Each structure stands twice: as C-alpha cells, then as structure tokens.
C-alpha cells in the first residue's frame, strides 16, 4: 500500500510534465516492458473465449489508471483514493449476499462527502468525476481479474493485460506527451512503474500466501489512509477534521465490507490481482 501511494504521489510531477494521459501511457508501457521481461506472456494458452476478458481487463486497467491520474490534477490524493475505493467496496458488499452489507458503501459515501465538503463551495466536479471513473474501472477490473485468475496465474495475466492497457492509454497519452518526452521523463516513468505495479504485485503475492483473502482485504481497506498520509508528507496536502473523519469512515466501511465476502481480493494494477496501476 505504501508503494502504491508513494508511486501515486510521485506521479504528480510527471503529470505536470506530460499530462495524466501521458503519465498513464508511459507508466503502463514501462510496466508492460518489465512484466514481459520477467515472464513470457502465455500466448499459446489463450483460448478464443479468453480474448474478450483479456481485452476488457486491459481496457479497464487503462481507464482506471487514466481516471485516477487525471483526478490528481484537481483533488487531493487521499480524496481521490477514497472515491476510487468505492468501486471495490461496492463489489465486496454486493458479493457478500447480505442486504446489511450494502450499508457499507453508503457509509463510505458519507465519508467521501465529508472529505470533499461540497457545502463549502469548493467541490471539484471534474476531479470527483475522474476519480469516480477510476472507481468504475477498478470495480470492473476486479470482476474480470477473477475470471482471468481461473485461467492464468497473476503475473502471467498481467503480462497479457498491461500491454493492452498501455495501448489503450496511448490514445490519450501520446498526444499529451508528444514533444515533452526526455531521457529524464523516461527514467522517472521506469521508476514509477517499479513502484506500481511491479513491487506491489510481488509483495501482495507474498502476503496472500500467508493470510486469507478476507484478512488481506481487511488490511487493504487502510489504503485510503495511506493516500492521505503520503499526500501530507510528499505533496503537503493538509487535511482538516472533516477530512480525517471522512477517511476514518471509508476505512471502517472497507474493512467491514470484507466480512462474509466471497472471493474478493482487492486486485488492482491503479491502484495492480492483486496489483493499482492507478493510483
């Protein structure tokens, strides 16, 4: 979680240089290169019925990454993470098959409202909209990842889907980045790709070998808090009492939604299978 949010915070400078689309494209492209170098994509194992899911997963990853990075241009990191977290939280609540579990996304939404303070007149519709787009992308990513997970192991599936995400991001990213790419920009993108998704993927795989998916998902509910912490330390984005109360509600809702859930592992690439190329 620290690596994911550190990568997100450090992406802000790159966004200023090549735009959110350019940052997403460069980061995903570098991530694809690293993943392909680590493992050969299992192209021969792909069946015809796998193709729509693989493409859909790649597109969801691209959508999630671009949406989240675009949100960072307009709203604080912690707020963007909290809004994006509504996607997997809603999936967890629905999959719990308990009506009471649907209260948790509502509680998290109250937390998001406290964080954005629309009554203050500073509500940033654009930033919230991009973060909501990332939330939808993350929710779709989880659903499709579990289908792919039944056919390929984690890193093999990433070596298939991240290149697709990079190609999808190129549609928006290349026009934004063209003319601004330097050796320094490429080096920064490579470093950010290591922070997200490569390092988080390795760490999460090790964690999942040692704990249950429910315990893993409960701990992952702390991610919005990491976003607030790294936003404060790296980006100097100060938060007030309403924001702290809001993030506490989001974390509480995220942890509670894991109770009784089925097969949920907050997978990401954005926010990393377990991997957020987003965030």
Protein backbone atom coordinates (compact mmCIF):
# COMPACT_ATOMS: atom_id res chain seq x y z
CA UNK A 1 0.00 0.00 0.00
CA UNK A 2 2.89 2.33 0.79
CA UNK A 3 4.47 1.59 -2.59
CA UNK A 4 1.20 2.16 -4.43
CA UNK A 5 0.50 5.51 -2.81
CA UNK A 6 4.14 6.61 -3.00
CA UNK A 7 4.03 5.91 -6.74
CA UNK A 8 0.81 7.91 -6.99
CA UNK A 9 2.22 10.87 -5.05
CA UNK A 10 5.44 10.91 -7.07
CA UNK A 11 3.43 10.79 -10.30
CA UNK A 12 2.16 14.32 -9.73
CA UNK A 13 5.36 15.93 -11.07
CA UNK A 14 5.25 13.69 -14.14
CA UNK A 15 1.61 14.66 -14.68
CA UNK A 16 2.70 18.28 -14.76
CA UNK A 17 5.22 17.47 -17.50
CA UNK A 18 3.31 15.12 -19.82
CA UNK A 19 -0.30 15.24 -18.56
CA UNK A 20 -2.29 12.49 -16.83
CA UNK A 21 -2.80 10.56 -20.07
CA UNK A 22 0.90 10.78 -20.93
CA UNK A 23 1.85 9.67 -17.43
CA UNK A 24 -0.55 6.71 -17.60
CA UNK A 25 0.76 5.71 -21.02
CA UNK A 26 4.44 5.92 -20.03
CA UNK A 27 3.93 4.15 -16.71
CA UNK A 28 1.86 1.37 -18.23
CA UNK A 29 4.31 0.97 -21.11
CA UNK A 30 7.27 0.69 -18.76
CA UNK A 31 5.32 -1.69 -16.55
CA UNK A 32 4.50 -3.84 -19.58
CA UNK A 33 8.17 -4.00 -20.57
CA UNK A 34 9.22 -5.03 -17.07
CA UNK A 35 6.50 -7.67 -16.78
CA UNK A 36 7.24 -9.16 -20.19
CA UNK A 37 10.92 -9.29 -19.23
CA UNK A 38 10.04 -11.14 -16.02
CA UNK A 39 7.68 -13.67 -17.58
CA UNK A 40 6.88 -14.72 -21.12
CA UNK A 41 3.19 -13.98 -21.89
CA UNK A 42 1.34 -17.32 -22.16
CA UNK A 43 0.04 -16.62 -25.66
CA UNK A 44 -0.27 -20.30 -26.58
CA UNK A 45 -2.54 -20.92 -23.61
CA UNK A 46 -5.11 -18.32 -24.67
CA UNK A 47 -8.43 -19.76 -25.79
CA UNK A 48 -10.86 -17.92 -28.02
CA UNK A 49 -13.28 -17.38 -25.13
CA UNK A 50 -10.48 -15.75 -23.09
CA UNK A 51 -9.91 -12.95 -25.60
CA UNK A 52 -12.86 -10.66 -24.67
CA UNK A 53 -11.99 -10.89 -20.97
CA UNK A 54 -8.30 -10.18 -21.56
CA UNK A 55 -9.09 -7.17 -23.73
CA UNK A 56 -11.75 -5.94 -21.32
CA UNK A 57 -9.35 -6.27 -18.40
CA UNK A 58 -6.69 -4.31 -20.27
CA UNK A 59 -9.17 -1.55 -21.12
CA UNK A 60 -10.43 -1.42 -17.51
CA UNK A 61 -6.84 -1.08 -16.30
CA UNK A 62 -6.21 1.78 -18.71
CA UNK A 63 -9.46 3.51 -17.72
CA UNK A 64 -8.67 3.14 -14.03
CA UNK A 65 -5.14 4.48 -14.42
CA UNK A 66 -6.03 7.49 -16.58
CA UNK A 67 -9.05 8.37 -14.43
CA UNK A 68 -7.08 8.29 -11.20
CA UNK A 69 -4.13 10.30 -12.52
CA UNK A 70 -6.48 12.86 -14.06
CA UNK A 71 -8.22 13.19 -10.69
CA UNK A 72 -4.89 14.05 -9.04
CA UNK A 73 -4.76 17.23 -11.15
CA UNK A 74 -7.85 18.51 -9.35
CA UNK A 75 -8.26 16.92 -5.90
CA UNK A 76 -6.06 15.66 -3.08
CA UNK A 77 -4.51 12.20 -3.26
CA UNK A 78 -6.37 10.91 -0.20
CA UNK A 79 -9.70 12.10 -1.57
CA UNK A 80 -9.05 10.50 -4.96
CA UNK A 81 -8.13 7.18 -3.32
CA UNK A 82 -11.24 7.28 -1.13
CA UNK A 83 -13.54 7.87 -4.10
CA UNK A 84 -11.79 5.23 -6.21
CA UNK A 85 -12.10 2.78 -3.30
CA UNK A 86 -15.89 2.95 -3.63
CA UNK A 87 -15.55 0.65 -6.67
CA UNK A 88 -14.06 -2.44 -4.97
CA UNK A 89 -16.02 -1.67 -1.81
CA UNK A 90 -19.30 -1.88 -3.70
CA UNK A 91 -18.20 -5.14 -5.33
CA UNK A 92 -17.36 -6.58 -1.89
CA UNK A 93 -20.72 -5.51 -0.46
CA UNK A 94 -22.73 -6.95 -3.34
CA UNK A 95 -20.81 -10.22 -3.24
CA UNK A 96 -21.43 -10.68 0.46
CA UNK A 97 -25.04 -11.63 -0.41
CA UNK A 98 -26.26 -9.79 2.68
CA UNK A 99 -28.54 -6.78 2.44
CA UNK A 100 -26.89 -5.27 5.51
CA UNK A 101 -23.57 -5.20 3.67
CA UNK A 102 -24.98 -2.61 1.26
CA UNK A 103 -24.82 -0.14 4.15
CA UNK A 104 -21.02 -0.07 3.90
CA UNK A 105 -20.79 1.67 0.51
CA UNK A 106 -23.29 4.19 1.89
CA UNK A 107 -21.11 4.78 4.94
CA UNK A 108 -18.06 5.23 2.71
CA UNK A 109 -20.01 7.69 0.56
CA UNK A 110 -20.74 9.76 3.68
CA UNK A 111 -17.01 9.71 4.34
CA UNK A 112 -16.31 10.94 0.81
CA UNK A 113 -18.82 13.76 1.28
CA UNK A 114 -17.03 14.81 4.46
CA UNK A 115 -13.72 14.80 2.59
CA UNK A 116 -14.95 16.86 -0.36
CA UNK A 117 -17.08 19.29 1.73
CA UNK A 118 -19.50 20.31 -1.04
CA UNK A 119 -21.19 22.78 1.33
CA UNK A 120 -18.01 24.88 1.33
CA UNK A 121 -18.39 25.72 -2.36
CA UNK A 122 -15.03 24.13 -3.21
CA UNK A 123 -16.43 20.89 -4.60
CA UNK A 124 -14.37 19.99 -7.67
CA UNK A 125 -16.75 18.26 -10.05
CA UNK A 126 -14.03 17.44 -12.58
CA UNK A 127 -11.73 15.79 -10.05
CA UNK A 128 -14.52 13.82 -8.41
CA UNK A 129 -15.77 12.75 -11.84
CA UNK A 130 -12.37 11.40 -12.87
CA UNK A 131 -11.99 9.59 -9.53
CA UNK A 132 -15.46 8.07 -9.99
CA UNK A 133 -14.36 6.89 -13.45
CA UNK A 134 -11.39 5.22 -11.80
CA UNK A 135 -13.75 3.59 -9.27
CA UNK A 136 -15.80 2.07 -12.07
CA UNK A 137 -12.62 0.88 -13.75
CA UNK A 138 -11.38 -0.74 -10.53
CA UNK A 139 -14.72 -2.49 -9.96
CA UNK A 140 -14.70 -3.91 -13.49
CA UNK A 141 -11.05 -4.83 -13.07
CA UNK A 142 -11.84 -6.95 -10.00
CA UNK A 143 -14.65 -8.81 -11.72
CA UNK A 144 -12.60 -9.57 -14.83
CA UNK A 145 -9.42 -10.37 -12.89
CA UNK A 146 -11.18 -13.20 -11.10
CA UNK A 147 -12.19 -14.69 -14.43
CA UNK A 148 -8.65 -14.47 -15.76
CA UNK A 149 -7.30 -15.78 -12.44
CA UNK A 150 -9.12 -19.03 -13.09
CA UNK A 151 -7.08 -19.47 -16.28
CA UNK A 152 -3.67 -17.88 -15.63
CA UNK A 153 -1.55 -17.11 -12.61
CA UNK A 154 -1.22 -13.49 -11.53
CA UNK A 155 1.97 -12.32 -13.21
CA UNK A 156 1.17 -14.23 -16.40
CA UNK A 157 -2.19 -12.48 -16.69
CA UNK A 158 -0.54 -9.10 -16.09
CA UNK A 159 1.92 -9.73 -18.91
CA UNK A 160 -1.14 -10.06 -21.16
CA UNK A 161 -3.32 -7.22 -19.90
CA UNK A 162 -0.87 -4.43 -19.03
CA UNK A 163 0.39 -4.14 -22.65
CA UNK A 164 -3.25 -3.79 -23.75
CA UNK A 165 -3.76 -1.12 -21.10
CA UNK A 166 -0.68 0.71 -22.39
CA UNK A 167 -2.00 0.66 -25.95
CA UNK A 168 -5.39 1.92 -24.76
CA UNK A 169 -3.75 4.72 -22.75
CA UNK A 170 -1.70 5.69 -25.80
CA UNK A 171 -4.85 7.05 -27.45
CA UNK A 172 -4.98 9.83 -24.86
CA UNK A 173 -1.40 9.74 -23.67
CA UNK A 174 0.60 10.09 -26.87
CA UNK A 175 -0.99 13.44 -27.89
CA UNK A 176 -0.36 14.80 -24.37
CA UNK A 177 3.21 13.54 -24.07
CA UNK A 178 4.46 14.13 -27.61
CA UNK A 179 7.20 16.73 -27.66
CA UNK A 180 7.75 16.55 -23.90
CA UNK A 181 9.50 13.18 -23.58
CA UNK A 182 13.10 13.38 -22.41
CA UNK A 183 15.54 10.80 -21.00
CA UNK A 184 14.68 12.13 -17.55
CA UNK A 185 10.97 11.63 -18.15
CA UNK A 186 11.56 8.06 -19.33
CA UNK A 187 13.73 7.31 -16.29
CA UNK A 188 11.04 8.69 -13.98
CA UNK A 189 8.37 6.60 -15.69
CA UNK A 190 10.53 3.49 -15.30
CA UNK A 191 11.00 4.13 -11.61
CA UNK A 192 7.28 4.74 -11.12
CA UNK A 193 6.49 1.50 -12.95
CA UNK A 194 8.63 -0.36 -10.42
CA UNK A 195 6.71 1.26 -7.56
CA UNK A 196 3.46 0.43 -9.31
CA UNK A 197 2.70 -2.29 -10.35
CA UNK A 198 5.84 -4.45 -10.14
CA UNK A 199 6.82 -4.10 -6.46
CA UNK A 200 3.25 -4.12 -5.05
CA UNK A 201 2.44 -7.21 -7.11
CA UNK A 202 5.40 -9.13 -5.66
CA UNK A 203 4.64 -8.05 -2.10
CA UNK A 204 0.93 -8.81 -2.38
CA UNK A 205 1.61 -12.26 -3.81
CA UNK A 206 3.84 -12.99 -0.80
CA UNK A 207 1.17 -11.65 1.56
CA UNK A 208 -1.58 -13.77 0.01
CA UNK A 209 0.48 -16.90 0.55
CA UNK A 210 0.46 -16.19 4.28
CA UNK A 211 -3.05 -14.92 5.02
CA UNK A 212 -6.65 -15.47 3.99
CA UNK A 213 -8.24 -13.29 1.28
CA UNK A 214 -10.56 -11.83 3.94
CA UNK A 215 -7.65 -10.78 6.14
CA UNK A 216 -5.86 -9.41 3.09
CA UNK A 217 -8.92 -7.42 2.01
CA UNK A 218 -9.44 -6.07 5.53
CA UNK A 219 -5.88 -4.75 5.66
CA UNK A 220 -6.21 -3.31 2.16
CA UNK A 221 -9.05 -1.15 3.49
CA UNK A 222 -6.30 1.00 5.01
CA UNK A 223 -5.24 2.15 1.55
CA UNK A 224 -7.20 5.45 1.60
CA UNK A 225 -5.44 6.30 4.88
CA UNK A 226 -2.09 5.68 3.18
CA UNK A 227 -3.21 8.06 0.45
CA UNK A 228 -3.89 10.80 2.99
CA UNK A 229 -0.56 10.14 4.74
CA UNK A 230 1.54 10.24 1.56
CA UNK A 231 -0.41 13.25 0.30
CA UNK A 232 0.53 15.04 3.51
CA UNK A 233 4.20 14.00 3.54
CA UNK A 234 5.08 14.23 -0.16
CA UNK A 235 2.55 16.69 -1.60
CA UNK A 236 1.95 18.78 1.56
CA UNK A 237 -1.80 18.33 1.17
CA UNK A 238 -3.09 19.21 4.63
CA UNK A 239 -6.39 17.80 5.87
CA UNK A 240 -8.81 19.07 8.47
CA UNK A 241 -11.05 17.36 10.98
CA UNK A 242 -13.87 16.66 8.46
CA UNK A 243 -11.39 15.00 6.09
CA UNK A 244 -9.93 12.87 8.88
CA UNK A 245 -13.41 11.83 9.95
CA UNK A 246 -14.29 11.05 6.35
CA UNK A 247 -11.25 8.86 5.75
CA UNK A 248 -11.97 7.00 9.01
CA UNK A 249 -15.47 6.19 7.74
CA UNK A 250 -14.10 4.96 4.40
CA UNK A 251 -11.55 2.71 6.11
CA UNK A 252 -14.18 1.37 8.53
CA UNK A 253 -16.59 0.65 5.67
CA UNK A 254 -13.86 -1.05 3.63
CA UNK A 255 -12.87 -3.35 6.49
CA UNK A 256 -16.47 -4.17 7.42
CA UNK A 257 -17.40 -5.00 3.82
CA UNK A 258 -14.90 -7.86 3.81
CA UNK A 259 -16.86 -9.76 6.42
CA UNK A 260 -18.62 -12.65 4.76
CA UNK A 261 -17.43 -11.68 1.27
CA UNK A 262 -16.71 -14.29 -1.38
CA UNK A 263 -13.56 -14.49 -3.46
CA UNK A 264 -12.77 -10.79 -3.13
CA UNK A 265 -9.15 -9.87 -3.31
CA UNK A 266 -8.84 -6.13 -3.86
CA UNK A 267 -6.92 -6.72 -7.03
CA UNK A 268 -5.50 -3.85 -8.89
CA UNK A 269 -2.94 -2.78 -11.15
CA UNK A 270 -4.40 1.88 -10.12
CA UNK A 271 -4.50 1.08 -7.81
CA UNK A 272 -2.15 -3.69 -9.55
CA UNK A 273 -4.51 -9.14 -8.99
CA UNK A 274 -3.51 -8.18 -6.55
CA UNK A 275 -1.89 -5.10 -8.38
CA UNK A 276 -3.20 -0.35 -8.86
CA UNK A 277 -1.57 0.62 -11.71
CA UNK A 278 -3.65 3.61 -10.72
CA UNK A 279 -3.06 5.01 -8.23
